[in-house]
Each structure stands twice: as structure tokens, then as C-alpha cells.
């Protein structure tokens, strides 16, 4: 079960990094558009793609490397 969760988190991380690169590429490409309306629409779409990818990367990071408390116990163990 733990291996399946690890594979899922790694898959989310890789997919997020791929689409993050794609979103940055779309963002850079939007500055080359001649039509201002197309520029604004592409800029917002690229920003939306990048936003979702950053959330995916943060999700995977905090699942793969959970924060530890100073005394070495998890919060659930102390309650």
C-alpha cells in the first residue's frame, strides 16, 4: 500500500513538472502574439496552467517529505 502511494505521488510530481514546463513555454510564446486579445487570453491560460502545476508540485513535496516536529513525534501521536 505504501509503495502504491509513493508511486502516485511521484507520478503527480512528474506530471506537474511536465505541465509546468509546458505552461512556461506557453507563457513565453504569448509575448510573441500580434493580437492583444489573443495575448491576454493566452497569458491568463498559461498563468492558470502554472498555478495548477505549482499546487501539484507542492502537494507531492509535502506528501513525500512530511514535516517533522522538533521532538520527533507526529501531532497525532501526542494527542
C-alpha atoms as a PDB file:
ATOM      1  CA  UNK A   1       0.000   0.000   0.000  1.00  0.00           C
ATOM      2  CA  UNK A   2       2.821   2.398   0.865  1.00  0.00           C
ATOM      3  CA  UNK A   3       4.542   1.663  -2.466  1.00  0.00           C
ATOM      4  CA  UNK A   4       1.353   2.490  -4.359  1.00  0.00           C
ATOM      5  CA  UNK A   5       1.067   5.854  -2.583  1.00  0.00           C
ATOM      6  CA  UNK A   6       4.720   6.589  -3.302  1.00  0.00           C
ATOM      7  CA  UNK A   7       4.232   5.801  -6.996  1.00  0.00           C
ATOM      8  CA  UNK A   8       1.118   8.000  -7.105  1.00  0.00           C
ATOM      9  CA  UNK A   9       2.952  10.947  -5.560  1.00  0.00           C
ATOM     10  CA  UNK A  10       5.910  10.530  -7.907  1.00  0.00           C
ATOM     11  CA  UNK A  11       3.502  10.377 -10.867  1.00  0.00           C
ATOM     12  CA  UNK A  12       1.784  13.591  -9.709  1.00  0.00           C
ATOM     13  CA  UNK A  13       5.181  15.255  -9.326  1.00  0.00           C
ATOM     14  CA  UNK A  14       6.382  14.235 -12.789  1.00  0.00           C
ATOM     15  CA  UNK A  15       3.108  15.228 -14.440  1.00  0.00           C
ATOM     16  CA  UNK A  16       3.137  18.591 -12.655  1.00  0.00           C
ATOM     17  CA  UNK A  17       6.729  19.305 -13.678  1.00  0.00           C
ATOM     18  CA  UNK A  18       5.928  18.408 -17.298  1.00  0.00           C
ATOM     19  CA  UNK A  19       2.939  20.746 -17.423  1.00  0.00           C
ATOM     20  CA  UNK A  20       4.895  23.429 -15.558  1.00  0.00           C
ATOM     21  CA  UNK A  21       7.455  23.415 -18.348  1.00  0.00           C
ATOM     22  CA  UNK A  22       4.616  23.449 -20.886  1.00  0.00           C
ATOM     23  CA  UNK A  23       2.932  26.387 -19.098  1.00  0.00           C
ATOM     24  CA  UNK A  24       6.151  28.415 -19.043  1.00  0.00           C
ATOM     25  CA  UNK A  25       6.588  27.677 -22.746  1.00  0.00           C
ATOM     26  CA  UNK A  26       3.036  28.904 -23.454  1.00  0.00           C
ATOM     27  CA  UNK A  27       3.676  31.992 -21.308  1.00  0.00           C
ATOM     28  CA  UNK A  28       6.824  32.889 -23.243  1.00  0.00           C
ATOM     29  CA  UNK A  29       5.061  32.197 -26.536  1.00  0.00           C
ATOM     30  CA  UNK A  30       2.194  34.518 -25.606  1.00  0.00           C
ATOM     31  CA  UNK A  31       4.526  37.515 -25.776  1.00  0.00           C
ATOM     32  CA  UNK A  32       5.107  36.869 -29.488  1.00  0.00           C
ATOM     33  CA  UNK A  33       1.426  37.134 -30.438  1.00  0.00           C
ATOM     34  CA  UNK A  34       0.471  40.181 -32.538  1.00  0.00           C
ATOM     35  CA  UNK A  35      -3.184  40.389 -31.453  1.00  0.00           C
ATOM     36  CA  UNK A  36      -3.636  41.962 -27.986  1.00  0.00           C
ATOM     37  CA  UNK A  37      -6.777  39.934 -27.262  1.00  0.00           C
ATOM     38  CA  UNK A  38      -5.022  36.662 -28.046  1.00  0.00           C
ATOM     39  CA  UNK A  39      -2.094  37.795 -25.898  1.00  0.00           C
ATOM     40  CA  UNK A  40      -4.284  38.425 -22.853  1.00  0.00           C
ATOM     41  CA  UNK A  41      -6.205  35.163 -23.246  1.00  0.00           C
ATOM     42  CA  UNK A  42      -3.013  33.128 -23.680  1.00  0.00           C
ATOM     43  CA  UNK A  43      -1.326  34.903 -20.783  1.00  0.00           C
ATOM     44  CA  UNK A  44      -4.188  34.056 -18.414  1.00  0.00           C
ATOM     45  CA  UNK A  45      -4.350  30.466 -19.671  1.00  0.00           C
ATOM     46  CA  UNK A  46      -0.613  29.989 -19.142  1.00  0.00           C
ATOM     47  CA  UNK A  47      -0.830  31.510 -15.662  1.00  0.00           C
ATOM     48  CA  UNK A  48      -3.674  29.115 -14.824  1.00  0.00           C
ATOM     49  CA  UNK A  49      -1.644  26.117 -16.041  1.00  0.00           C
ATOM     50  CA  UNK A  50       1.365  27.241 -13.987  1.00  0.00           C
ATOM     51  CA  UNK A  51      -0.803  27.765 -10.893  1.00  0.00           C
ATOM     52  CA  UNK A  52      -2.177  24.212 -11.028  1.00  0.00           C
ATOM     53  CA  UNK A  53       1.287  22.790 -11.604  1.00  0.00           C
ATOM     54  CA  UNK A  54       2.773  24.605  -8.622  1.00  0.00           C
ATOM     55  CA  UNK A  55      -0.033  23.211  -6.462  1.00  0.00           C
ATOM     56  CA  UNK A  56       0.739  19.705  -7.775  1.00  0.00           C
ATOM     57  CA  UNK A  57       4.446  20.090  -7.038  1.00  0.00           C
ATOM     58  CA  UNK A  58       3.737  21.360  -3.515  1.00  0.00           C
ATOM     59  CA  UNK A  59       1.275  18.505  -2.918  1.00  0.00           C
ATOM     60  CA  UNK A  60       3.829  15.907  -3.952  1.00  0.00           C
ATOM     61  CA  UNK A  61       6.607  17.579  -1.961  1.00  0.00           C
ATOM     62  CA  UNK A  62       4.644  17.638   1.285  1.00  0.00           C
ATOM     63  CA  UNK A  63       3.463  14.047   0.758  1.00  0.00           C
ATOM     64  CA  UNK A  64       6.956  12.748   0.018  1.00  0.00           C
ATOM     65  CA  UNK A  65       8.715  14.808   2.722  1.00  0.00           C
ATOM     66  CA  UNK A  66       6.253  15.367   5.593  1.00  0.00           C
ATOM     67  CA  UNK A  67       7.312  17.969   8.171  1.00  0.00           C
ATOM     68  CA  UNK A  68       8.629  16.547  11.428  1.00  0.00           C
ATOM     69  CA  UNK A  69       8.080  18.123  14.806  1.00  0.00           C
ATOM     70  CA  UNK A  70      11.012  19.164  16.961  1.00  0.00           C
ATOM     71  CA  UNK A  71      10.630  16.313  19.443  1.00  0.00           C
ATOM     72  CA  UNK A  72      10.423  13.672  16.700  1.00  0.00           C
ATOM     73  CA  UNK A  73       6.776  12.768  17.292  1.00  0.00           C
ATOM     74  CA  UNK A  74       3.900  13.443  14.941  1.00  0.00           C
ATOM     75  CA  UNK A  75       0.997  15.561  16.147  1.00  0.00           C
ATOM     76  CA  UNK A  76      -1.356  12.559  16.059  1.00  0.00           C
ATOM     77  CA  UNK A  77       0.934  10.589  18.379  1.00  0.00           C
ATOM     78  CA  UNK A  78       0.963  13.263  21.063  1.00  0.00           C
ATOM     79  CA  UNK A  79      -2.836  13.544  21.363  1.00  0.00           C
END
